Amino acid sequence: MMSNTRKKHSAEFKAKVALQAIRGEETVAQLASRFEIHPTMIHEWKKQMEQSAATVFDRGGKAVSEKRTEETISELYRQIGQLKVERDFLAKRSGA
């Protein structure tokens, strides 16, 4: 029986293939054969790369700082939750 699961590719792999396609040193068919993926995927990844290329320069490193911000926010929410539990516990113990 044939499996119908889709293979998931990393962002690094997609970028590598898209850059190869943009360079044009090999045809999409050659790249598809070499990387063992469907040519449609290469066209899609190349299109995405070309459309988002300008944002690389607009962001100027914001991607890393945005991730740190998200991590900080998650940590703060965790701490808030912990403090609420402690507060509720202490309130019950004091009879308030």
PDB file of N, CA and C in Angstrom:
ATOM      1  N   MET A   1       0.853  -1.193   0.000  1.00  0.00           N
ATOM      2  CA  MET A   1       0.000   0.000   0.000  1.00  0.00           C
ATOM      3  C   MET A   1       0.883   1.235   0.000  1.00  0.00           C
ATOM      4  N   MET A   2       0.534   2.202  -0.786  1.00  0.00           N
ATOM      5  CA  MET A   2       1.334   3.405  -0.955  1.00  0.00           C
ATOM      6  C   MET A   2       0.968   4.463   0.081  1.00  0.00           C
ATOM      7  N   SER A   3       1.964   5.049   0.697  1.00  0.00           N
ATOM      8  CA  SER A   3       1.738   6.081   1.694  1.00  0.00           C
ATOM      9  C   SER A   3       1.464   7.407   1.002  1.00  0.00           C
ATOM     10  N   ASN A   4       0.529   8.152   1.514  1.00  0.00           N
ATOM     11  CA  ASN A   4       0.173   9.432   0.920  1.00  0.00           C
ATOM     12  C   ASN A   4       0.518  10.586   1.860  1.00  0.00           C
ATOM     13  N   THR A   5       1.609  10.432   2.596  1.00  0.00           N
ATOM     14  CA  THR A   5       2.014  11.495   3.508  1.00  0.00           C
ATOM     15  C   THR A   5       2.903  12.480   2.775  1.00  0.00           C
ATOM     16  N   ARG A   6       2.777  13.723   3.147  1.00  0.00           N
ATOM     17  CA  ARG A   6       3.573  14.768   2.525  1.00  0.00           C
ATOM     18  C   ARG A   6       4.863  14.946   3.293  1.00  0.00           C
ATOM     19  N   LYS A   7       5.924  15.129   2.555  1.00  0.00           N
ATOM     20  CA  LYS A   7       7.218  15.357   3.172  1.00  0.00           C
ATOM     21  C   LYS A   7       7.318  16.830   3.548  1.00  0.00           C
ATOM     22  N   LYS A   8       7.767  17.087   4.761  1.00  0.00           N
ATOM     23  CA  LYS A   8       7.922  18.474   5.217  1.00  0.00           C
ATOM     24  C   LYS A   8       9.374  18.884   5.038  1.00  0.00           C
ATOM     25  N   HIS A   9       9.559  20.034   4.422  1.00  0.00           N
ATOM     26  CA  HIS A   9      10.895  20.542   4.165  1.00  0.00           C
ATOM     27  C   HIS A   9      11.177  21.740   5.067  1.00  0.00           C
ATOM     28  N   SER A  10      12.402  21.841   5.528  1.00  0.00           N
ATOM     29  CA  SER A  10      12.784  22.950   6.396  1.00  0.00           C
ATOM     30  C   SER A  10      12.844  24.248   5.593  1.00  0.00           C
ATOM     31  N   ALA A  11      12.785  25.341   6.301  1.00  0.00           N
ATOM     32  CA  ALA A  11      12.894  26.654   5.661  1.00  0.00           C
ATOM     33  C   ALA A  11      14.244  26.807   4.976  1.00  0.00           C
ATOM     34  N   GLU A  12      15.280  26.246   5.580  1.00  0.00           N
ATOM     35  CA  GLU A  12      16.620  26.328   4.998  1.00  0.00           C
ATOM     36  C   GLU A  12      16.676  25.589   3.664  1.00  0.00           C
ATOM     37  N   PHE A  13      16.043  24.409   3.620  1.00  0.00           N
ATOM     38  CA  PHE A  13      16.021  23.626   2.389  1.00  0.00           C
ATOM     39  C   PHE A  13      15.267  24.384   1.294  1.00  0.00           C
ATOM     40  N   LYS A  14      14.105  24.933   1.646  1.00  0.00           N
ATOM     41  CA  LYS A  14      13.307  25.682   0.674  1.00  0.00           C
ATOM     42  C   LYS A  14      14.082  26.878   0.129  1.00  0.00           C
ATOM     43  N   ALA A  15      14.771  27.592   1.019  1.00  0.00           N
ATOM     44  CA  ALA A  15      15.553  28.755   0.597  1.00  0.00           C
ATOM     45  C   ALA A  15      16.683  28.334  -0.336  1.00  0.00           C
ATOM     46  N   LYS A  16      17.331  27.238  -0.005  1.00  0.00           N
ATOM     47  CA  LYS A  16      18.431  26.728  -0.835  1.00  0.00           C
ATOM     48  C   LYS A  16      17.939  26.411  -2.241  1.00  0.00           C
ATOM     49  N   VAL A  17      16.827  25.696  -2.336  1.00  0.00           N
ATOM     50  CA  VAL A  17      16.277  25.316  -3.631  1.00  0.00           C
ATOM     51  C   VAL A  17      15.805  26.554  -4.397  1.00  0.00           C
ATOM     52  N   ALA A  18      15.120  27.465  -3.695  1.00  0.00           N
ATOM     53  CA  ALA A  18      14.624  28.682  -4.355  1.00  0.00           C
ATOM     54  C   ALA A  18      15.769  29.527  -4.899  1.00  0.00           C
ATOM     55  N   LEU A  19      16.842  29.640  -4.137  1.00  0.00           N
ATOM     56  CA  LEU A  19      17.998  30.405  -4.614  1.00  0.00           C
ATOM     57  C   LEU A  19      18.629  29.751  -5.832  1.00  0.00           C
ATOM     58  N   GLN A  20      18.697  28.438  -5.834  1.00  0.00           N
ATOM     59  CA  GLN A  20      19.222  27.724  -7.002  1.00  0.00           C
ATOM     60  C   GLN A  20      18.356  28.009  -8.228  1.00  0.00           C
ATOM     61  N   ALA A  21      17.045  28.029  -8.026  1.00  0.00           N
ATOM     62  CA  ALA A  21      16.123  28.303  -9.136  1.00  0.00           C
ATOM     63  C   ALA A  21      16.276  29.731  -9.631  1.00  0.00           C
ATOM     64  N   ILE A  22      16.450  30.671  -8.712  1.00  0.00           N
ATOM     65  CA  ILE A  22      16.612  32.074  -9.098  1.00  0.00           C
ATOM     66  C   ILE A  22      17.909  32.269  -9.877  1.00  0.00           C
ATOM     67  N   ARG A  23      18.976  31.590  -9.445  1.00  0.00           N
ATOM     68  CA  ARG A  23      20.258  31.691 -10.153  1.00  0.00           C
ATOM     69  C   ARG A  23      20.133  31.238 -11.600  1.00  0.00           C
ATOM     70  N   GLY A  24      19.316  30.235 -11.832  1.00  0.00           N
ATOM     71  CA  GLY A  24      19.074  29.776 -13.195  1.00  0.00           C
ATOM     72  C   GLY A  24      20.201  28.963 -13.813  1.00  0.00           C
ATOM     73  N   GLU A  25      21.108  28.456 -12.987  1.00  0.00           N
ATOM     74  CA  GLU A  25      22.208  27.655 -13.512  1.00  0.00           C
ATOM     75  C   GLU A  25      21.724  26.275 -13.947  1.00  0.00           C
ATOM     76  N   GLU A  26      20.601  25.842 -13.372  1.00  0.00           N
ATOM     77  CA  GLU A  26      19.977  24.580 -13.744  1.00  0.00           C
ATOM     78  C   GLU A  26      18.502  24.850 -14.001  1.00  0.00           C
ATOM     79  N   THR A  27      17.896  24.014 -14.832  1.00  0.00           N
ATOM     80  CA  THR A  27      16.467  24.160 -15.074  1.00  0.00           C
ATOM     81  C   THR A  27      15.698  23.675 -13.854  1.00  0.00           C
ATOM     82  N   VAL A  28      14.443  24.052 -13.791  1.00  0.00           N
ATOM     83  CA  VAL A  28      13.598  23.611 -12.692  1.00  0.00           C
ATOM     84  C   VAL A  28      13.492  22.087 -12.717  1.00  0.00           C
ATOM     85  N   ALA A  29      13.410  21.509 -13.898  1.00  0.00           N
ATOM     86  CA  ALA A  29      13.338  20.046 -14.016  1.00  0.00           C
ATOM     87  C   ALA A  29      14.599  19.392 -13.450  1.00  0.00           C
ATOM     88  N   GLN A  30      15.747  19.968 -13.726  1.00  0.00           N
ATOM     89  CA  GLN A  30      16.998  19.431 -13.195  1.00  0.00           C
ATOM     90  C   GLN A  30      17.037  19.547 -11.668  1.00  0.00           C
ATOM     91  N   LEU A  31      16.623  20.698 -11.165  1.00  0.00           N
ATOM     92  CA  LEU A  31      16.586  20.881  -9.711  1.00  0.00           C
ATOM     93  C   LEU A  31      15.611  19.907  -9.057  1.00  0.00           C
ATOM     94  N   ALA A  32      14.446  19.732  -9.680  1.00  0.00           N
ATOM     95  CA  ALA A  32      13.444  18.813  -9.146  1.00  0.00           C
ATOM     96  C   ALA A  32      14.004  17.394  -9.070  1.00  0.00           C
ATOM     97  N   SER A  33      14.717  17.005 -10.083  1.00  0.00           N
ATOM     98  CA  SER A  33      15.319  15.673 -10.100  1.00  0.00           C
ATOM     99  C   SER A  33      16.407  15.551  -9.034  1.00  0.00           C
ATOM    100  N   ARG A  34      17.257  16.568  -8.950  1.00  0.00           N
ATOM    101  CA  ARG A  34      18.369  16.523  -8.003  1.00  0.00           C
ATOM    102  C   ARG A  34      17.883  16.517  -6.557  1.00  0.00           C
ATOM    103  N   PHE A  35      16.877  17.350  -6.250  1.00  0.00           N
ATOM    104  CA  PHE A  35      16.388  17.451  -4.870  1.00  0.00           C
ATOM    105  C   PHE A  35      15.208  16.515  -4.584  1.00  0.00           C
ATOM    106  N   GLU A  36      14.770  15.773  -5.606  1.00  0.00           N
ATOM    107  CA  GLU A  36      13.670  14.815  -5.484  1.00  0.00           C
ATOM    108  C   GLU A  36      12.387  15.461  -4.968  1.00  0.00           C
ATOM    109  N   ILE A  37      12.009  16.559  -5.605  1.00  0.00           N
ATOM    110  CA  ILE A  37      10.763  17.246  -5.286  1.00  0.00           C
ATOM    111  C   ILE A  37      10.050  17.593  -6.587  1.00  0.00           C
ATOM    112  N   HIS A  38       8.786  17.921  -6.491  1.00  0.00           N
ATOM    113  CA  HIS A  38       7.991  18.257  -7.676  1.00  0.00           C
ATOM    114  C   HIS A  38       8.352  19.662  -8.157  1.00  0.00           C
ATOM    115  N   PRO A  39       8.436  19.847  -9.472  1.00  0.00           N
ATOM    116  CA  PRO A  39       8.768  21.180 -10.014  1.00  0.00           C
ATOM    117  C   PRO A  39       7.824  22.284  -9.544  1.00  0.00           C
ATOM    118  N   THR A  40       6.569  21.940  -9.292  1.00  0.00           N
ATOM    119  CA  THR A  40       5.603  22.941  -8.821  1.00  0.00           C
ATOM    120  C   THR A  40       6.054  23.553  -7.501  1.00  0.00           C
ATOM    121  N   MET A  41       6.628  22.715  -6.633  1.00  0.00           N
ATOM    122  CA  MET A  41       7.112  23.215  -5.345  1.00  0.00           C
ATOM    123  C   MET A  41       8.241  24.223  -5.562  1.00  0.00           C
ATOM    124  N   ILE A  42       9.117  23.926  -6.485  1.00  0.00           N
ATOM    125  CA  ILE A  42      10.235  24.838  -6.760  1.00  0.00           C
ATOM    126  C   ILE A  42       9.709  26.175  -7.256  1.00  0.00           C
ATOM    127  N   HIS A  43       8.747  26.136  -8.170  1.00  0.00           N
ATOM    128  CA  HIS A  43       8.158  27.385  -8.671  1.00  0.00           C
ATOM    129  C   HIS A  43       7.519  28.185  -7.538  1.00  0.00           C
ATOM    130  N   GLU A  44       6.815  27.491  -6.636  1.00  0.00           N
ATOM    131  CA  GLU A  44       6.146  28.161  -5.518  1.00  0.00           C
ATOM    132  C   GLU A  44       7.163  28.790  -4.568  1.00  0.00           C
ATOM    133  N   TRP A  45       8.203  28.026  -4.218  1.00  0.00           N
ATOM    134  CA  TRP A  45       9.214  28.540  -3.301  1.00  0.00           C
ATOM    135  C   TRP A  45       9.971  29.707  -3.911  1.00  0.00           C
ATOM    136  N   LYS A  46      10.246  29.633  -5.209  1.00  0.00           N
ATOM    137  CA  LYS A  46      10.938  30.724  -5.911  1.00  0.00           C
ATOM    138  C   LYS A  46      10.065  31.986  -5.884  1.00  0.00           C
ATOM    139  N   LYS A  47       8.783  31.813  -6.147  1.00  0.00           N
ATOM    140  CA  LYS A  47       7.837  32.938  -6.126  1.00  0.00           C
ATOM    141  C   LYS A  47       7.792  33.568  -4.739  1.00  0.00           C
ATOM    142  N   GLN A  48       7.716  32.729  -3.693  1.00  0.00           N
ATOM    143  CA  GLN A  48       7.678  33.240  -2.320  1.00  0.00           C
ATOM    144  C   GLN A  48       8.957  33.999  -1.989  1.00  0.00           C
ATOM    145  N   MET A  49      10.087  33.463  -2.424  1.00  0.00           N
ATOM    146  CA  MET A  49      11.385  34.098  -2.162  1.00  0.00           C
ATOM    147  C   MET A  49      11.444  35.475  -2.835  1.00  0.00           C
ATOM    148  N   GLU A  50      11.014  35.533  -4.074  1.00  0.00           N
ATOM    149  CA  GLU A  50      11.058  36.801  -4.803  1.00  0.00           C
ATOM    150  C   GLU A  50      10.112  37.831  -4.192  1.00  0.00           C
ATOM    151  N   GLN A  51       8.950  37.387  -3.749  1.00  0.00           N
ATOM    152  CA  GLN A  51       7.970  38.312  -3.166  1.00  0.00           C
ATOM    153  C   GLN A  51       8.399  38.831  -1.796  1.00  0.00           C
ATOM    154  N   SER A  52       9.132  38.024  -1.051  1.00  0.00           N
ATOM    155  CA  SER A  52       9.504  38.437   0.297  1.00  0.00           C
ATOM    156  C   SER A  52      10.923  38.977   0.405  1.00  0.00           C
ATOM    157  N   ALA A  53      11.638  39.047  -0.705  1.00  0.00           N
ATOM    158  CA  ALA A  53      13.036  39.486  -0.669  1.00  0.00           C
ATOM    159  C   ALA A  53      13.183  40.902  -0.110  1.00  0.00           C
ATOM    160  N   ALA A  54      12.301  41.793  -0.458  1.00  0.00           N
ATOM    161  CA  ALA A  54      12.414  43.173   0.002  1.00  0.00           C
ATOM    162  C   ALA A  54      12.260  43.286   1.514  1.00  0.00           C
ATOM    163  N   THR A  55      11.496  42.397   2.115  1.00  0.00           N
ATOM    164  CA  THR A  55      11.286  42.480   3.561  1.00  0.00           C
ATOM    165  C   THR A  55      12.552  42.154   4.341  1.00  0.00           C
ATOM    166  N   VAL A  56      13.465  41.440   3.727  1.00  0.00           N
ATOM    167  CA  VAL A  56      14.730  41.138   4.395  1.00  0.00           C
ATOM    168  C   VAL A  56      15.456  42.431   4.722  1.00  0.00           C
ATOM    169  N   PHE A  57      15.421  43.369   3.808  1.00  0.00           N
ATOM    170  CA  PHE A  57      16.116  44.630   4.001  1.00  0.00           C
ATOM    171  C   PHE A  57      15.290  45.619   4.811  1.00  0.00           C
ATOM    172  N   ASP A  58      13.969  45.523   4.728  1.00  0.00           N
ATOM    173  CA  ASP A  58      13.099  46.396   5.514  1.00  0.00           C
ATOM    174  C   ASP A  58      13.194  46.075   6.995  1.00  0.00           C
ATOM    175  N   ARG A  59      13.270  44.812   7.317  1.00  0.00           N
ATOM    176  CA  ARG A  59      13.247  44.377   8.703  1.00  0.00           C
ATOM    177  C   ARG A  59      14.563  44.630   9.399  1.00  0.00           C
ATOM    178  N   GLY A  60      15.661  44.492   8.699  1.00  0.00           N
ATOM    179  CA  GLY A  60      16.976  44.778   9.263  1.00  0.00           C
ATOM    180  C   GLY A  60      17.252  44.108  10.596  1.00  0.00           C
ATOM    181  N   GLY A  61      16.962  42.845  10.719  1.00  0.00           N
ATOM    182  CA  GLY A  61      17.246  42.146  11.959  1.00  0.00           C
ATOM    183  C   GLY A  61      16.081  42.080  12.918  1.00  0.00           C
ATOM    184  N   LYS A  62      14.941  42.567  12.521  1.00  0.00           N
ATOM    185  CA  LYS A  62      13.787  42.546  13.412  1.00  0.00           C
ATOM    186  C   LYS A  62      13.273  41.134  13.644  1.00  0.00           C
ATOM    187  N   ALA A  63      13.534  40.219  12.717  1.00  0.00           N
ATOM    188  CA  ALA A  63      13.044  38.850  12.878  1.00  0.00           C
ATOM    189  C   ALA A  63      13.587  38.231  14.151  1.00  0.00           C
ATOM    190  N   VAL A  64      14.854  38.435  14.419  1.00  0.00           N
ATOM    191  CA  VAL A  64      15.464  37.884  15.627  1.00  0.00           C
ATOM    192  C   VAL A  64      14.888  38.565  16.854  1.00  0.00           C
ATOM    193  N   SER A  65      14.777  39.884  16.820  1.00  0.00           N
ATOM    194  CA  SER A  65      14.254  40.595  17.980  1.00  0.00           C
ATOM    195  C   SER A  65      12.774  40.283  18.202  1.00  0.00           C
ATOM    196  N   GLU A  66      12.023  40.019  17.141  1.00  0.00           N
ATOM    197  CA  GLU A  66      10.618  39.647  17.300  1.00  0.00           C
ATOM    198  C   GLU A  66      10.502  38.300  18.004  1.00  0.00           C
ATOM    199  N   LYS A  67      11.376  37.369  17.679  1.00  0.00           N
ATOM    200  CA  LYS A  67      11.352  36.072  18.342  1.00  0.00           C
ATOM    201  C   LYS A  67      11.681  36.233  19.822  1.00  0.00           C
ATOM    202  N   ARG A  68      12.685  37.050  20.115  1.00  0.00           N
ATOM    203  CA  ARG A  68      13.038  37.296  21.517  1.00  0.00           C
ATOM    204  C   ARG A  68      11.876  37.943  22.259  1.00  0.00           C
ATOM    205  N   THR A  69      11.189  38.867  21.600  1.00  0.00           N
ATOM    206  CA  THR A  69      10.040  39.529  22.211  1.00  0.00           C
ATOM    207  C   THR A  69       8.953  38.516  22.520  1.00  0.00           C
ATOM    208  N   GLU A  70       8.679  37.616  21.580  1.00  0.00           N
ATOM    209  CA  GLU A  70       7.673  36.583  21.810  1.00  0.00           C
ATOM    210  C   GLU A  70       8.076  35.676  22.967  1.00  0.00           C
ATOM    211  N   GLU A  71       9.343  35.314  23.043  1.00  0.00           N
ATOM    212  CA  GLU A  71       9.825  34.483  24.139  1.00  0.00           C
ATOM    213  C   GLU A  71       9.688  35.209  25.474  1.00  0.00           C
ATOM    214  N   THR A  72      10.010  36.492  25.482  1.00  0.00           N
ATOM    215  CA  THR A  72       9.895  37.292  26.704  1.00  0.00           C
ATOM    216  C   THR A  72       8.441  37.374  27.150  1.00  0.00           C
ATOM    217  N   ILE A  73       7.541  37.603  26.207  1.00  0.00           N
ATOM    218  CA  ILE A  73       6.114  37.688  26.524  1.00  0.00           C
ATOM    219  C   ILE A  73       5.619  36.365  27.096  1.00  0.00           C
ATOM    220  N   SER A  74       6.029  35.256  26.491  1.00  0.00           N
ATOM    221  CA  SER A  74       5.626  33.941  27.004  1.00  0.00           C
ATOM    222  C   SER A  74       6.124  33.731  28.426  1.00  0.00           C
ATOM    223  N   GLU A  75       7.361  34.107  28.679  1.00  0.00           N
ATOM    224  CA  GLU A  75       7.934  33.951  30.013  1.00  0.00           C
ATOM    225  C   GLU A  75       7.188  34.826  31.018  1.00  0.00           C
ATOM    226  N   LEU A  76       6.846  36.038  30.631  1.00  0.00           N
ATOM    227  CA  LEU A  76       6.116  36.932  31.535  1.00  0.00           C
ATOM    228  C   LEU A  76       4.722  36.390  31.850  1.00  0.00           C
ATOM    229  N   TYR A  77       4.034  35.850  30.843  1.00  0.00           N
ATOM    230  CA  TYR A  77       2.729  35.241  31.098  1.00  0.00           C
ATOM    231  C   TYR A  77       2.852  34.063  32.051  1.00  0.00           C
ATOM    232  N   ARG A  78       3.905  33.266  31.902  1.00  0.00           N
ATOM    233  CA  ARG A  78       4.141  32.137  32.798  1.00  0.00           C
ATOM    234  C   ARG A  78       4.329  32.629  34.232  1.00  0.00           C
ATOM    235  N   GLN A  79       5.125  33.695  34.380  1.00  0.00           N
ATOM    236  CA  GLN A  79       5.372  34.249  35.714  1.00  0.00           C
ATOM    237  C   GLN A  79       4.106  34.838  36.319  1.00  0.00           C
ATOM    238  N   ILE A  80       3.292  35.500  35.502  1.00  0.00           N
ATOM    239  CA  ILE A  80       2.030  36.062  35.987  1.00  0.00           C
ATOM    240  C   ILE A  80       1.131  34.947  36.506  1.00  0.00           C
ATOM    241  N   GLY A  81       1.049  33.854  35.739  1.00  0.00           N
ATOM    242  CA  GLY A  81       0.239  32.722  36.169  1.00  0.00           C
ATOM    243  C   GLY A  81       0.722  32.153  37.492  1.00  0.00           C
ATOM    244  N   GLN A  82       2.027  32.026  37.634  1.00  0.00           N
ATOM    245  CA  GLN A  82       2.606  31.503  38.876  1.00  0.00           C
ATOM    246  C   GLN A  82       2.291  32.437  40.041  1.00  0.00           C
ATOM    247  N   LEU A  83       2.418  33.731  39.833  1.00  0.00           N
ATOM    248  CA  LEU A  83       2.133  34.699  40.893  1.00  0.00           C
ATOM    249  C   LEU A  83       0.661  34.674  41.296  1.00  0.00           C
ATOM    250  N   LYS A  84      -0.240  34.486  40.339  1.00  0.00           N
ATOM    251  CA  LYS A  84      -1.665  34.399  40.657  1.00  0.00           C
ATOM    252  C   LYS A  84      -1.957  33.192  41.527  1.00  0.00           C
ATOM    253  N   VAL A  85      -1.335  32.060  41.187  1.00  0.00           N
ATOM    254  CA  VAL A  85      -1.533  30.850  41.989  1.00  0.00           C
ATOM    255  C   VAL A  85      -1.024  31.083  43.401  1.00  0.00           C
ATOM    256  N   GLU A  86       0.147  31.670  43.532  1.00  0.00           N
ATOM    257  CA  GLU A  86       0.714  31.934  44.863  1.00  0.00           C
ATOM    258  C   GLU A  86      -0.156  32.906  45.640  1.00  0.00           C
ATOM    259  N   ARG A  87      -0.640  33.948  44.976  1.00  0.00           N
ATOM    260  CA  ARG A  87      -1.499  34.931  45.631  1.00  0.00           C
ATOM    261  C   ARG A  87      -2.772  34.281  46.140  1.00  0.00           C
ATOM    262  N   ASP A  88      -3.403  33.459  45.280  1.00  0.00           N
ATOM    263  CA  ASP A  88      -4.635  32.780  45.680  1.00  0.00           C
ATOM    264  C   ASP A  88      -4.387  31.842  46.857  1.00  0.00           C
ATOM    265  N   PHE A  89      -3.266  31.144  46.830  1.00  0.00           N
ATOM    266  CA  PHE A  89      -2.919  30.242  47.918  1.00  0.00           C
ATOM    267  C   PHE A  89      -2.765  31.012  49.219  1.00  0.00           C
ATOM    268  N   LEU A  90      -2.017  32.124  49.163  1.00  0.00           N
ATOM    269  CA  LEU A  90      -1.791  32.921  50.366  1.00  0.00           C
ATOM    270  C   LEU A  90      -3.079  33.582  50.871  1.00  0.00           C
ATOM    271  N   ALA A  91      -3.957  33.959  49.956  1.00  0.00           N
ATOM    272  CA  ALA A  91      -5.233  34.545  50.346  1.00  0.00           C
ATOM    273  C   ALA A  91      -6.091  33.537  51.091  1.00  0.00           C
ATOM    274  N   LYS A  92      -6.101  32.290  50.623  1.00  0.00           N
ATOM    275  CA  LYS A  92      -6.869  31.243  51.293  1.00  0.00           C
ATOM    276  C   LYS A  92      -6.287  30.912  52.663  1.00  0.00           C
ATOM    277  N   ARG A  93      -4.964  30.911  52.743  1.00  0.00           N
ATOM    278  CA  ARG A  93      -4.283  30.608  54.019  1.00  0.00           C
ATOM    279  C   ARG A  93      -4.526  31.692  55.052  1.00  0.00           C
ATOM    280  N   SER A  94      -4.632  32.940  54.587  1.00  0.00           N
ATOM    281  CA  SER A  94      -4.808  34.043  55.556  1.00  0.00           C
ATOM    282  C   SER A  94      -6.278  34.240  55.911  1.00  0.00           C
ATOM    283  N   GLY A  95      -7.185  33.546  55.199  1.00  0.00           N
ATOM    284  CA  GLY A  95      -8.594  33.653  55.495  1.00  0.00           C
ATOM    285  C   GLY A  95      -9.265  34.861  54.869  1.00  0.00           C
ATOM    286  N   ALA A  96      -8.620  35.486  53.910  1.00  0.00           N
ATOM    287  CA  ALA A  96      -9.196  36.678  53.270  1.00  0.00           C
ATOM    288  C   ALA A  96     -10.217  36.325  52.243  1.00  0.00           C
TER     289      ALA A  96
END
